[in-house]
Amino acid sequence: MGVAIRDILADYKTPVAWDKIPGIAAIDGNNTLYQFLTIIRQPDGTPLMDHEGRITSHLSGLFFRISGFIEKGIQPVFIFDGKPPLFKEDTVVKRREVRERAREAWARAVEEGDIKEAYKQARSATRVDSSIVESSKNLLGLMGIPVIDAPSEGEAQAAVMVQRGDVSYSVSQDYDSLLFGAPKLIRNLTVSGKRKIRGRTITVSPERIILSDVLDGLGINMEELIEIGILIGTDFNEGIRGVGAKTALKLVKKGEFVKTIEKKTPEFDPGPVKDFFLNPPHITGYDLKWSSPDENGLYEMLCGMHDFSRNRVQTVLEKMCVSSDQKTLDQWF
């Protein structure tokens, strides 16, 4: 998922302490739910579920992570994807096929008792469907967190909001936010902590990327960054086989973007994709208002409907109220 420009961004990622990132965070909702659903699973890959078999991994991730944000002075705004552009359809279809193959492989692994393989395939089969999104919006509403429905890509909407100065930074695991022009991107905010990767435990901490530093450091402009993404491949085009981030950077800096496209993929017109990144659909009539948590509603949803521990929910709510009381009403509500 997302554009693979990591190899040219190493010098521009700055580890950032939690006390250095207070402010309003525009969070890519779909991306965040995908991360929670991928990570919060049983050893055999089965997601957390309530007594009726409804998935609750995303609700657990949202509730406990957001409470941590509030304790640290971060005001989250969640932005959810709208209708994808027509040229994203191929990507959507391919992802669906990959998930279906992974789901079948997961079922086989579970039947064979191969727990390690089952967990791996279950992560690949992760899907954010409409029920996941709607239950997440319901939870966020009860927590008093603003939700915005983007007309198209959530990352694009977040980027525009940072550009306008309405929020402090964009939050996503993907680098597409930079191609959409997000001035400041924070990664690992929703998935920080201890993680097992390839059999070893590592610590994942927040990191900050400033778009102007990337452009100045690489000696390119915004349009050229998008061209690099197009050569590699984005959610909206396949890219050119064998061209990675470093090669794409060299080609673009030598002015060979058009020549390379015409030679390698003559049937592809990069114009619409480039324009979509430069001028994405977005809205400006949003109202960013936070409110006090609906405690009764949260107990009813989390404990009554989804089997959450009442003691754990109570502990989180008490911390949220204490953190909110330490702020002025203007800051929080």
C-alpha atoms as a PDB file:
ATOM      1  CA  MET A   1       0.000   0.000   0.000  1.00  0.00           C
ATOM      2  CA  GLY A   2       1.227   3.484  -0.795  1.00  0.00           C
ATOM      3  CA  VAL A   3       4.160   4.723  -2.836  1.00  0.00           C
ATOM      4  CA  ALA A   4       7.544   3.073  -2.161  1.00  0.00           C
ATOM      5  CA  ILE A   5       9.832   6.100  -1.787  1.00  0.00           C
ATOM      6  CA  ARG A   6      11.308   5.020   1.539  1.00  0.00           C
ATOM      7  CA  ASP A   7      14.804   4.504   0.093  1.00  0.00           C
ATOM      8  CA  ILE A   8      15.220   8.206  -0.698  1.00  0.00           C
ATOM      9  CA  LEU A   9      13.718   9.473   2.563  1.00  0.00           C
ATOM     10  CA  ALA A  10      16.137   7.975   5.096  1.00  0.00           C
ATOM     11  CA  ASP A  11      17.984  11.276   5.631  1.00  0.00           C
ATOM     12  CA  TYR A  12      14.747  13.184   6.226  1.00  0.00           C
ATOM     13  CA  LYS A  13      13.098  11.025   8.886  1.00  0.00           C
ATOM     14  CA  THR A  14      13.527  12.518  12.332  1.00  0.00           C
ATOM     15  CA  PRO A  15      12.698  10.555  15.495  1.00  0.00           C
ATOM     16  CA  VAL A  16      10.367  12.703  17.575  1.00  0.00           C
ATOM     17  CA  ALA A  17       9.468  12.432  21.258  1.00  0.00           C
ATOM     18  CA  TRP A  18       5.819  12.355  22.251  1.00  0.00           C
ATOM     19  CA  ASP A  19       6.114  15.631  24.143  1.00  0.00           C
ATOM     20  CA  LYS A  20       7.270  17.324  20.921  1.00  0.00           C
ATOM     21  CA  ILE A  21       4.146  16.534  18.885  1.00  0.00           C
ATOM     22  CA  PRO A  22       1.159  18.067  20.653  1.00  0.00           C
ATOM     23  CA  GLY A  23      -1.417  19.843  18.513  1.00  0.00           C
ATOM     24  CA  ILE A  24      -4.138  18.832  16.086  1.00  0.00           C
ATOM     25  CA  ALA A  25      -3.423  15.600  14.209  1.00  0.00           C
ATOM     26  CA  ALA A  26      -5.232  14.847  10.938  1.00  0.00           C
ATOM     27  CA  ILE A  27      -5.288  11.050  10.987  1.00  0.00           C
ATOM     28  CA  ASP A  28      -5.820   8.871   7.919  1.00  0.00           C
ATOM     29  CA  GLY A  29      -8.697   6.799   9.272  1.00  0.00           C
ATOM     30  CA  ASN A  30      -8.662   3.926   6.780  1.00  0.00           C
ATOM     31  CA  ASN A  31      -4.908   3.547   7.057  1.00  0.00           C
ATOM     32  CA  THR A  32      -5.105   3.513  10.855  1.00  0.00           C
ATOM     33  CA  LEU A  33      -7.887   0.918  10.950  1.00  0.00           C
ATOM     34  CA  TYR A  34      -5.888  -1.286   8.592  1.00  0.00           C
ATOM     35  CA  GLN A  35      -2.904  -1.094  10.940  1.00  0.00           C
ATOM     36  CA  PHE A  36      -4.990  -1.986  13.997  1.00  0.00           C
ATOM     37  CA  LEU A  37      -6.683  -4.883  12.230  1.00  0.00           C
ATOM     38  CA  THR A  38      -3.322  -6.162  11.024  1.00  0.00           C
ATOM     39  CA  ILE A  39      -1.550  -5.965  14.363  1.00  0.00           C
ATOM     40  CA  ILE A  40      -4.203  -6.750  16.981  1.00  0.00           C
ATOM     41  CA  ARG A  41      -4.763 -10.478  16.448  1.00  0.00           C
ATOM     42  CA  GLN A  42      -4.603 -13.818  18.195  1.00  0.00           C
ATOM     43  CA  PRO A  43      -1.489 -16.005  17.656  1.00  0.00           C
ATOM     44  CA  ASP A  44      -3.224 -17.893  14.816  1.00  0.00           C
ATOM     45  CA  GLY A  45      -4.217 -14.638  13.102  1.00  0.00           C
ATOM     46  CA  THR A  46      -7.810 -14.557  14.294  1.00  0.00           C
ATOM     47  CA  PRO A  47      -8.858 -10.961  15.061  1.00  0.00           C
ATOM     48  CA  LEU A  48     -10.381 -10.011  18.397  1.00  0.00           C
ATOM     49  CA  MET A  49     -14.129 -10.662  18.347  1.00  0.00           C
ATOM     50  CA  ASP A  50     -17.120 -10.295  20.652  1.00  0.00           C
ATOM     51  CA  HIS A  51     -19.630 -12.992  21.618  1.00  0.00           C
ATOM     52  CA  GLU A  52     -21.507 -12.532  18.338  1.00  0.00           C
ATOM     53  CA  GLY A  53     -18.394 -12.932  16.206  1.00  0.00           C
ATOM     54  CA  ARG A  54     -18.089  -9.237  15.358  1.00  0.00           C
ATOM     55  CA  ILE A  55     -14.509  -8.013  14.911  1.00  0.00           C
ATOM     56  CA  THR A  56     -13.356  -5.655  17.660  1.00  0.00           C
ATOM     57  CA  SER A  57      -9.608  -5.317  17.017  1.00  0.00           C
ATOM     58  CA  HIS A  58     -10.079  -1.861  15.493  1.00  0.00           C
ATOM     59  CA  LEU A  59     -12.293  -0.682  18.366  1.00  0.00           C
ATOM     60  CA  SER A  60      -9.684  -1.764  20.893  1.00  0.00           C
ATOM     61  CA  GLY A  61      -6.938  -0.005  18.956  1.00  0.00           C
ATOM     62  CA  LEU A  62      -8.904   3.216  18.580  1.00  0.00           C
ATOM     63  CA  PHE A  63     -10.138   3.449  22.150  1.00  0.00           C
ATOM     64  CA  PHE A  64      -6.850   2.806  23.908  1.00  0.00           C
ATOM     65  CA  ARG A  65      -4.658   4.706  21.430  1.00  0.00           C
ATOM     66  CA  ILE A  66      -6.855   7.810  21.379  1.00  0.00           C
ATOM     67  CA  SER A  67      -6.855   7.952  25.159  1.00  0.00           C
ATOM     68  CA  GLY A  68      -3.067   7.970  24.960  1.00  0.00           C
ATOM     69  CA  PHE A  69      -3.167  10.829  22.456  1.00  0.00           C
ATOM     70  CA  ILE A  70      -5.321  12.935  24.757  1.00  0.00           C
ATOM     71  CA  GLU A  71      -2.999  12.298  27.698  1.00  0.00           C
ATOM     72  CA  LYS A  72      -0.112  13.597  25.577  1.00  0.00           C
ATOM     73  CA  GLY A  73      -1.879  16.765  24.401  1.00  0.00           C
ATOM     74  CA  ILE A  74      -2.709  15.520  20.907  1.00  0.00           C
ATOM     75  CA  GLN A  75      -6.125  16.415  19.490  1.00  0.00           C
ATOM     76  CA  PRO A  76      -7.009  13.822  16.831  1.00  0.00           C
ATOM     77  CA  VAL A  77      -9.245  14.365  13.810  1.00  0.00           C
ATOM     78  CA  PHE A  78     -10.059  11.233  11.826  1.00  0.00           C
ATOM     79  CA  ILE A  79     -10.492  11.448   8.064  1.00  0.00           C
ATOM     80  CA  PHE A  80     -12.032   8.618   6.084  1.00  0.00           C
ATOM     81  CA  ASP A  81     -11.778   7.842   2.375  1.00  0.00           C
ATOM     82  CA  GLY A  82     -14.560   8.725  -0.002  1.00  0.00           C
ATOM     83  CA  LYS A  83     -14.970   7.569  -3.587  1.00  0.00           C
ATOM     84  CA  PRO A  84     -11.674   6.517  -5.218  1.00  0.00           C
ATOM     85  CA  PRO A  85     -10.773   7.893  -8.652  1.00  0.00           C
ATOM     86  CA  LEU A  86     -11.584   5.661 -11.610  1.00  0.00           C
ATOM     87  CA  PHE A  87      -7.920   4.955 -12.308  1.00  0.00           C
ATOM     88  CA  LYS A  88      -7.587   3.326  -8.877  1.00  0.00           C
ATOM     89  CA  GLU A  89      -9.950   0.516  -9.850  1.00  0.00           C
ATOM     90  CA  ASP A  90      -7.165  -1.815 -11.032  1.00  0.00           C
ATOM     91  CA  THR A  91      -5.413  -1.437  -7.695  1.00  0.00           C
ATOM     92  CA  VAL A  92      -8.625  -2.121  -5.790  1.00  0.00           C
ATOM     93  CA  VAL A  93      -9.300  -5.285  -7.795  1.00  0.00           C
ATOM     94  CA  LYS A  94      -5.750  -6.586  -7.363  1.00  0.00           C
ATOM     95  CA  ARG A  95      -5.805  -5.978  -3.619  1.00  0.00           C
ATOM     96  CA  ARG A  96      -9.100  -7.818  -3.351  1.00  0.00           C
ATOM     97  CA  GLU A  97      -7.615 -10.800  -5.180  1.00  0.00           C
ATOM     98  CA  VAL A  98      -4.533 -10.808  -2.931  1.00  0.00           C
ATOM     99  CA  ARG A  99      -6.716 -10.732   0.191  1.00  0.00           C
ATOM    100  CA  GLU A 100      -8.860 -13.586  -1.076  1.00  0.00           C
ATOM    101  CA  ARG A 101      -5.818 -15.780  -1.777  1.00  0.00           C
ATOM    102  CA  ALA A 102      -4.427 -14.942   1.654  1.00  0.00           C
ATOM    103  CA  ARG A 103      -7.763 -15.774   3.300  1.00  0.00           C
ATOM    104  CA  GLU A 104      -7.773 -19.192   1.662  1.00  0.00           C
ATOM    105  CA  ALA A 105      -4.134 -19.783   2.674  1.00  0.00           C
ATOM    106  CA  TRP A 106      -4.964 -18.756   6.251  1.00  0.00           C
ATOM    107  CA  ALA A 107      -7.811 -21.289   6.442  1.00  0.00           C
ATOM    108  CA  ARG A 108      -5.479 -24.055   5.192  1.00  0.00           C
ATOM    109  CA  ALA A 109      -2.774 -23.105   7.676  1.00  0.00           C
ATOM    110  CA  VAL A 110      -5.231 -23.130  10.582  1.00  0.00           C
ATOM    111  CA  GLU A 111      -6.526 -26.536   9.523  1.00  0.00           C
ATOM    112  CA  GLU A 112      -2.968 -27.867   9.310  1.00  0.00           C
ATOM    113  CA  GLY A 113      -2.017 -26.360  12.669  1.00  0.00           C
ATOM    114  CA  ASP A 114       0.686 -24.098  11.192  1.00  0.00           C
ATOM    115  CA  ILE A 115       0.203 -21.165  13.561  1.00  0.00           C
ATOM    116  CA  LYS A 116       3.098 -19.080  12.238  1.00  0.00           C
ATOM    117  CA  GLU A 117       1.877 -19.326   8.636  1.00  0.00           C
ATOM    118  CA  ALA A 118      -1.708 -18.721   9.723  1.00  0.00           C
ATOM    119  CA  TYR A 119      -0.728 -15.463  11.425  1.00  0.00           C
ATOM    120  CA  LYS A 120       1.224 -14.326   8.372  1.00  0.00           C
ATOM    121  CA  GLN A 121      -1.617 -15.050   5.947  1.00  0.00           C
ATOM    122  CA  ALA A 122      -4.229 -13.518   8.227  1.00  0.00           C
ATOM    123  CA  ARG A 123      -2.354 -10.214   8.208  1.00  0.00           C
ATOM    124  CA  SER A 124      -2.265 -10.283   4.402  1.00  0.00           C
ATOM    125  CA  ALA A 125      -6.008 -10.937   4.341  1.00  0.00           C
ATOM    126  CA  THR A 126      -6.808  -7.814   6.372  1.00  0.00           C
ATOM    127  CA  ARG A 127      -9.777  -5.881   5.008  1.00  0.00           C
ATOM    128  CA  VAL A 128     -11.358  -2.621   6.112  1.00  0.00           C
ATOM    129  CA  ASP A 129     -15.012  -2.982   5.145  1.00  0.00           C
ATOM    130  CA  SER A 130     -17.996  -0.675   5.632  1.00  0.00           C
ATOM    131  CA  SER A 131     -19.012  -2.246   8.958  1.00  0.00           C
ATOM    132  CA  ILE A 132     -15.507  -1.673  10.339  1.00  0.00           C
ATOM    133  CA  VAL A 133     -15.575   1.966   9.249  1.00  0.00           C
ATOM    134  CA  GLU A 134     -19.081   2.631  10.587  1.00  0.00           C
ATOM    135  CA  SER A 135     -18.425   1.079  13.992  1.00  0.00           C
ATOM    136  CA  SER A 136     -15.226   3.129  14.194  1.00  0.00           C
ATOM    137  CA  LYS A 137     -17.100   6.341  13.426  1.00  0.00           C
ATOM    138  CA  ASN A 138     -19.651   5.488  16.102  1.00  0.00           C
ATOM    139  CA  LEU A 139     -16.897   4.971  18.665  1.00  0.00           C
ATOM    140  CA  LEU A 140     -15.134   8.189  17.693  1.00  0.00           C
ATOM    141  CA  GLY A 141     -18.389  10.110  18.005  1.00  0.00           C
ATOM    142  CA  LEU A 142     -18.929   8.752  21.523  1.00  0.00           C
ATOM    143  CA  MET A 143     -15.368   9.740  22.408  1.00  0.00           C
ATOM    144  CA  GLY A 144     -16.008  13.299  21.221  1.00  0.00           C
ATOM    145  CA  ILE A 145     -13.524  13.090  18.337  1.00  0.00           C
ATOM    146  CA  PRO A 146     -14.275  14.930  15.043  1.00  0.00           C
ATOM    147  CA  VAL A 147     -14.726  12.781  11.934  1.00  0.00           C
ATOM    148  CA  ILE A 148     -14.472  14.030   8.351  1.00  0.00           C
ATOM    149  CA  ASP A 149     -15.629  12.128   5.289  1.00  0.00           C
ATOM    150  CA  ALA A 150     -13.277  13.030   2.448  1.00  0.00           C
ATOM    151  CA  PRO A 151     -14.742  13.302  -1.064  1.00  0.00           C
ATOM    152  CA  SER A 152     -11.982  10.960  -2.284  1.00  0.00           C
ATOM    153  CA  GLU A 153      -8.611  10.050  -0.701  1.00  0.00           C
ATOM    154  CA  GLY A 154      -8.358  10.686   3.039  1.00  0.00           C
ATOM    155  CA  GLU A 155      -4.629  11.412   2.830  1.00  0.00           C
ATOM    156  CA  ALA A 156      -5.317  14.140   0.282  1.00  0.00           C
ATOM    157  CA  GLN A 157      -7.908  15.758   2.531  1.00  0.00           C
ATOM    158  CA  ALA A 158      -5.491  15.636   5.476  1.00  0.00           C
ATOM    159  CA  ALA A 159      -2.713  17.190   3.383  1.00  0.00           C
ATOM    160  CA  VAL A 160      -4.938  20.115   2.398  1.00  0.00           C
ATOM    161  CA  MET A 161      -5.930  20.686   6.015  1.00  0.00           C
ATOM    162  CA  VAL A 162      -2.262  20.911   7.031  1.00  0.00           C
ATOM    163  CA  GLN A 163      -1.592  23.289   4.131  1.00  0.00           C
ATOM    164  CA  ARG A 164      -4.460  25.518   5.293  1.00  0.00           C
ATOM    165  CA  GLY A 165      -3.112  25.569   8.846  1.00  0.00           C
ATOM    166  CA  ASP A 166      -6.290  24.047  10.278  1.00  0.00           C
ATOM    167  CA  VAL A 167      -4.357  21.091  11.723  1.00  0.00           C
ATOM    168  CA  SER A 168      -0.756  20.695  12.856  1.00  0.00           C
ATOM    169  CA  TYR A 169       0.311  17.647  10.845  1.00  0.00           C
ATOM    170  CA  SER A 170      -0.870  14.637   8.891  1.00  0.00           C
ATOM    171  CA  VAL A 171      -0.690  11.130  10.382  1.00  0.00           C
ATOM    172  CA  SER A 172      -0.295   8.068   8.157  1.00  0.00           C
ATOM    173  CA  GLN A 173       1.987   5.097   7.659  1.00  0.00           C
ATOM    174  CA  ASP A 174       2.047   5.659   3.894  1.00  0.00           C
ATOM    175  CA  TYR A 175       4.202   8.213   2.108  1.00  0.00           C
ATOM    176  CA  ASP A 176       1.403   9.222  -0.273  1.00  0.00           C
ATOM    177  CA  SER A 177       0.708  12.133   2.074  1.00  0.00           C
ATOM    178  CA  LEU A 178       3.917  13.753   0.837  1.00  0.00           C
ATOM    179  CA  LEU A 179       2.884  13.384  -2.806  1.00  0.00           C
ATOM    180  CA  PHE A 180      -0.398  15.079  -1.903  1.00  0.00           C
ATOM    181  CA  GLY A 181       1.638  17.962  -0.483  1.00  0.00           C
ATOM    182  CA  ALA A 182       1.358  17.453   3.286  1.00  0.00           C
ATOM    183  CA  PRO A 183       3.897  19.934   4.756  1.00  0.00           C
ATOM    184  CA  LYS A 184       4.446  17.769   7.840  1.00  0.00           C
ATOM    185  CA  LEU A 185       3.918  14.003   8.126  1.00  0.00           C
ATOM    186  CA  ILE A 186       4.099  11.986  11.355  1.00  0.00           C
ATOM    187  CA  ARG A 187       4.517   8.221  10.984  1.00  0.00           C
ATOM    188  CA  ASN A 188       4.211   5.484  13.624  1.00  0.00           C
ATOM    189  CA  LEU A 189       1.917   7.589  15.803  1.00  0.00           C
ATOM    190  CA  THR A 190      -0.849   4.988  15.848  1.00  0.00           C
ATOM    191  CA  VAL A 191       1.377   1.904  15.848  1.00  0.00           C
ATOM    192  CA  SER A 192       4.215   2.908  18.173  1.00  0.00           C
ATOM    193  CA  GLY A 193       5.405   0.461  20.816  1.00  0.00           C
ATOM    194  CA  LYS A 194       6.840  -3.042  20.808  1.00  0.00           C
ATOM    195  CA  ARG A 195       6.324  -4.978  17.566  1.00  0.00           C
ATOM    196  CA  LYS A 196       7.397  -8.392  16.342  1.00  0.00           C
ATOM    197  CA  ILE A 197       8.896  -8.244  12.870  1.00  0.00           C
ATOM    198  CA  ARG A 198      10.413 -11.306  11.201  1.00  0.00           C
ATOM    199  CA  GLY A 199      10.625 -13.120  14.510  1.00  0.00           C
ATOM    200  CA  ARG A 200      12.304 -10.357  16.511  1.00  0.00           C
ATOM    201  CA  THR A 201      10.882  -7.670  18.764  1.00  0.00           C
ATOM    202  CA  ILE A 202      11.631  -4.056  17.904  1.00  0.00           C
ATOM    203  CA  THR A 203      10.520  -0.701  19.257  1.00  0.00           C
ATOM    204  CA  VAL A 204       8.539   1.444  16.841  1.00  0.00           C
ATOM    205  CA  SER A 205       8.613   5.155  17.694  1.00  0.00           C
ATOM    206  CA  PRO A 206       7.075   8.232  16.061  1.00  0.00           C
ATOM    207  CA  GLU A 207       9.043   9.917  13.285  1.00  0.00           C
ATOM    208  CA  ARG A 208       8.561  13.233  11.533  1.00  0.00           C
ATOM    209  CA  ILE A 209       9.105  14.120   7.875  1.00  0.00           C
ATOM    210  CA  ILE A 210       9.054  17.745   6.701  1.00  0.00           C
ATOM    211  CA  LEU A 211       8.176  18.023   3.003  1.00  0.00           C
ATOM    212  CA  SER A 212      10.283  21.141   2.388  1.00  0.00           C
ATOM    213  CA  ASP A 213      13.338  19.370   3.818  1.00  0.00           C
ATOM    214  CA  VAL A 214      12.777  16.439   1.458  1.00  0.00           C
ATOM    215  CA  LEU A 215      12.425  18.645  -1.613  1.00  0.00           C
ATOM    216  CA  ASP A 216      15.399  20.848  -0.729  1.00  0.00           C
ATOM    217  CA  GLY A 217      17.584  17.912   0.212  1.00  0.00           C
ATOM    218  CA  LEU A 218      16.830  15.933  -2.938  1.00  0.00           C
ATOM    219  CA  GLY A 219      17.032  19.025  -5.141  1.00  0.00           C
ATOM    220  CA  ILE A 220      13.578  18.549  -6.667  1.00  0.00           C
ATOM    221  CA  ASN A 221      10.220  20.301  -6.717  1.00  0.00           C
ATOM    222  CA  MET A 222       6.759  19.030  -5.853  1.00  0.00           C
ATOM    223  CA  GLU A 223       5.897  17.953  -9.387  1.00  0.00           C
ATOM    224  CA  GLU A 224       9.165  16.037  -9.663  1.00  0.00           C
ATOM    225  CA  LEU A 225       8.447  14.192  -6.405  1.00  0.00           C
ATOM    226  CA  ILE A 226       5.156  13.075  -7.913  1.00  0.00           C
ATOM    227  CA  GLU A 227       6.963  11.992 -11.071  1.00  0.00           C
ATOM    228  CA  ILE A 228       9.253   9.830  -8.950  1.00  0.00           C
ATOM    229  CA  GLY A 229       6.204   8.238  -7.407  1.00  0.00           C
ATOM    230  CA  ILE A 230       4.629   7.594 -10.797  1.00  0.00           C
ATOM    231  CA  LEU A 231       7.778   5.899 -12.111  1.00  0.00           C
ATOM    232  CA  ILE A 232       7.879   3.616  -9.055  1.00  0.00           C
ATOM    233  CA  GLY A 233       4.140   3.034  -8.978  1.00  0.00           C
ATOM    234  CA  THR A 234       1.357   4.514  -6.868  1.00  0.00           C
ATOM    235  CA  ASP A 235      -2.117   3.441  -5.826  1.00  0.00           C
ATOM    236  CA  PHE A 236      -3.220   4.868  -9.167  1.00  0.00           C
ATOM    237  CA  ASN A 237      -0.685   3.364 -11.597  1.00  0.00           C
ATOM    238  CA  GLU A 238       1.547   0.301 -11.782  1.00  0.00           C
ATOM    239  CA  GLY A 239       4.878   1.981 -12.334  1.00  0.00           C
ATOM    240  CA  ILE A 240       7.775   0.644 -14.378  1.00  0.00           C
ATOM    241  CA  ARG A 241       9.190  -2.768 -13.596  1.00  0.00           C
ATOM    242  CA  GLY A 242      12.690  -2.609 -12.157  1.00  0.00           C
ATOM    243  CA  VAL A 243      12.541   1.104 -11.301  1.00  0.00           C
ATOM    244  CA  GLY A 244      12.949   1.807  -7.590  1.00  0.00           C
ATOM    245  CA  ALA A 245      13.090   5.076  -5.691  1.00  0.00           C
ATOM    246  CA  LYS A 246      16.789   5.784  -6.243  1.00  0.00           C
ATOM    247  CA  THR A 247      16.629   5.047  -9.977  1.00  0.00           C
ATOM    248  CA  ALA A 248      13.469   7.123 -10.335  1.00  0.00           C
ATOM    249  CA  LEU A 249      15.166  10.042  -8.580  1.00  0.00           C
ATOM    250  CA  LYS A 250      18.074   9.914 -11.024  1.00  0.00           C
ATOM    251  CA  LEU A 251      15.787   9.758 -14.052  1.00  0.00           C
ATOM    252  CA  VAL A 252      13.678  12.691 -12.901  1.00  0.00           C
ATOM    253  CA  LYS A 253      16.675  14.853 -12.019  1.00  0.00           C
ATOM    254  CA  LYS A 254      18.096  14.204 -15.496  1.00  0.00           C
ATOM    255  CA  GLY A 255      14.792  15.317 -17.004  1.00  0.00           C
ATOM    256  CA  GLU A 256      14.002  11.865 -18.398  1.00  0.00           C
ATOM    257  CA  PHE A 257      10.579  11.307 -16.873  1.00  0.00           C
ATOM    258  CA  VAL A 258       8.599  11.796 -20.087  1.00  0.00           C
ATOM    259  CA  LYS A 259      11.145   9.905 -22.172  1.00  0.00           C
ATOM    260  CA  THR A 260      11.083   6.948 -19.769  1.00  0.00           C
ATOM    261  CA  ILE A 261       7.285   6.791 -19.684  1.00  0.00           C
ATOM    262  CA  GLU A 262       7.037   6.954 -23.472  1.00  0.00           C
ATOM    263  CA  LYS A 263       9.626   4.215 -23.898  1.00  0.00           C
ATOM    264  CA  LYS A 264       8.553   1.797 -21.155  1.00  0.00           C
ATOM    265  CA  THR A 265       4.785   2.358 -20.939  1.00  0.00           C
ATOM    266  CA  PRO A 266       3.723   4.179 -24.116  1.00  0.00           C
ATOM    267  CA  GLU A 267       0.043   3.379 -23.531  1.00  0.00           C
ATOM    268  CA  PHE A 268       0.016   5.157 -20.136  1.00  0.00           C
ATOM    269  CA  ASP A 269      -0.828   8.846 -19.778  1.00  0.00           C
ATOM    270  CA  PRO A 270       0.616  10.109 -16.466  1.00  0.00           C
ATOM    271  CA  GLY A 271      -1.244  13.421 -16.730  1.00  0.00           C
ATOM    272  CA  PRO A 272      -4.411  12.479 -14.815  1.00  0.00           C
ATOM    273  CA  VAL A 273      -2.436  10.825 -11.998  1.00  0.00           C
ATOM    274  CA  LYS A 274      -0.104  13.796 -11.669  1.00  0.00           C
ATOM    275  CA  ASP A 275      -3.038  16.214 -11.650  1.00  0.00           C
ATOM    276  CA  PHE A 276      -4.819  14.142  -9.013  1.00  0.00           C
ATOM    277  CA  PHE A 277      -1.852  14.485  -6.659  1.00  0.00           C
ATOM    278  CA  LEU A 278      -1.450  18.192  -7.382  1.00  0.00           C
ATOM    279  CA  ASN A 279      -5.170  19.054  -7.228  1.00  0.00           C
ATOM    280  CA  PRO A 280      -6.965  16.325  -5.266  1.00  0.00           C
ATOM    281  CA  PRO A 281     -10.686  16.502  -4.479  1.00  0.00           C
ATOM    282  CA  HIS A 282     -11.172  17.966  -1.003  1.00  0.00           C
ATOM    283  CA  ILE A 283     -13.578  19.934   1.141  1.00  0.00           C
ATOM    284  CA  THR A 284     -13.045  23.058   3.226  1.00  0.00           C
ATOM    285  CA  GLY A 285     -16.372  23.353   5.009  1.00  0.00           C
ATOM    286  CA  TYR A 286     -15.496  21.075   7.916  1.00  0.00           C
ATOM    287  CA  ASP A 287     -16.110  21.970  11.552  1.00  0.00           C
ATOM    288  CA  LEU A 288     -13.420  20.810  13.980  1.00  0.00           C
ATOM    289  CA  LYS A 289     -15.104  20.493  17.357  1.00  0.00           C
ATOM    290  CA  TRP A 290     -14.160  18.176  20.206  1.00  0.00           C
ATOM    291  CA  SER A 291     -16.590  17.289  22.981  1.00  0.00           C
ATOM    292  CA  SER A 292     -16.540  15.458  26.286  1.00  0.00           C
ATOM    293  CA  PRO A 293     -16.772  11.663  26.040  1.00  0.00           C
ATOM    294  CA  ASP A 294     -20.256  10.151  26.295  1.00  0.00           C
ATOM    295  CA  GLU A 295     -19.414   7.802  29.167  1.00  0.00           C
ATOM    296  CA  ASN A 296     -22.753   6.003  29.246  1.00  0.00           C
ATOM    297  CA  GLY A 297     -22.683   5.552  25.488  1.00  0.00           C
ATOM    298  CA  LEU A 298     -19.151   4.177  25.612  1.00  0.00           C
ATOM    299  CA  TYR A 299     -19.997   1.675  28.340  1.00  0.00           C
ATOM    300  CA  GLU A 300     -23.043   0.567  26.384  1.00  0.00           C
ATOM    301  CA  MET A 301     -21.128   0.150  23.118  1.00  0.00           C
ATOM    302  CA  LEU A 302     -17.857  -1.303  24.350  1.00  0.00           C
ATOM    303  CA  CYS A 303     -18.971  -3.317  27.372  1.00  0.00           C
ATOM    304  CA  GLY A 304     -22.604  -4.020  26.572  1.00  0.00           C
ATOM    305  CA  MET A 305     -22.268  -4.772  22.859  1.00  0.00           C
ATOM    306  CA  HIS A 306     -18.655  -5.836  22.407  1.00  0.00           C
ATOM    307  CA  ASP A 307     -17.579  -7.491  25.667  1.00  0.00           C
ATOM    308  CA  PHE A 308     -14.878  -5.025  26.712  1.00  0.00           C
ATOM    309  CA  SER A 309     -13.782  -5.131  30.339  1.00  0.00           C
ATOM    310  CA  ARG A 310     -15.722  -2.489  32.256  1.00  0.00           C
ATOM    311  CA  ASN A 311     -12.779  -1.932  34.602  1.00  0.00           C
ATOM    312  CA  ARG A 312     -10.405  -1.263  31.705  1.00  0.00           C
ATOM    313  CA  VAL A 313     -12.865   1.114  30.039  1.00  0.00           C
ATOM    314  CA  GLN A 314     -13.414   2.917  33.335  1.00  0.00           C
ATOM    315  CA  THR A 315      -9.657   3.327  33.846  1.00  0.00           C
ATOM    316  CA  VAL A 316      -9.246   4.841  30.378  1.00  0.00           C
ATOM    317  CA  LEU A 317     -12.180   7.216  30.811  1.00  0.00           C
ATOM    318  CA  GLU A 318     -10.844   8.441  34.146  1.00  0.00           C
ATOM    319  CA  LYS A 319      -7.481   9.214  32.537  1.00  0.00           C
ATOM    320  CA  MET A 320      -9.171  11.001  29.639  1.00  0.00           C
ATOM    321  CA  CYS A 321     -11.210  13.159  31.999  1.00  0.00           C
ATOM    322  CA  VAL A 322      -8.148  14.059  34.056  1.00  0.00           C
ATOM    323  CA  SER A 323      -6.199  14.974  30.909  1.00  0.00           C
ATOM    324  CA  SER A 324      -9.098  17.027  29.559  1.00  0.00           C
ATOM    325  CA  ASP A 325      -9.521  18.849  32.866  1.00  0.00           C
ATOM    326  CA  GLN A 326      -5.882  19.928  32.670  1.00  0.00           C
ATOM    327  CA  LYS A 327      -6.643  21.820  29.447  1.00  0.00           C
ATOM    328  CA  THR A 328      -8.780  24.896  28.957  1.00  0.00           C
ATOM    329  CA  LEU A 329     -12.195  24.509  27.402  1.00  0.00           C
ATOM    330  CA  ASP A 330     -10.998  26.453  24.363  1.00  0.00           C
ATOM    331  CA  GLN A 331      -8.171  23.977  23.802  1.00  0.00           C
ATOM    332  CA  TRP A 332     -10.287  20.853  24.014  1.00  0.00           C
ATOM    333  CA  PHE A 333     -13.963  21.575  23.577  1.00  0.00           C
END
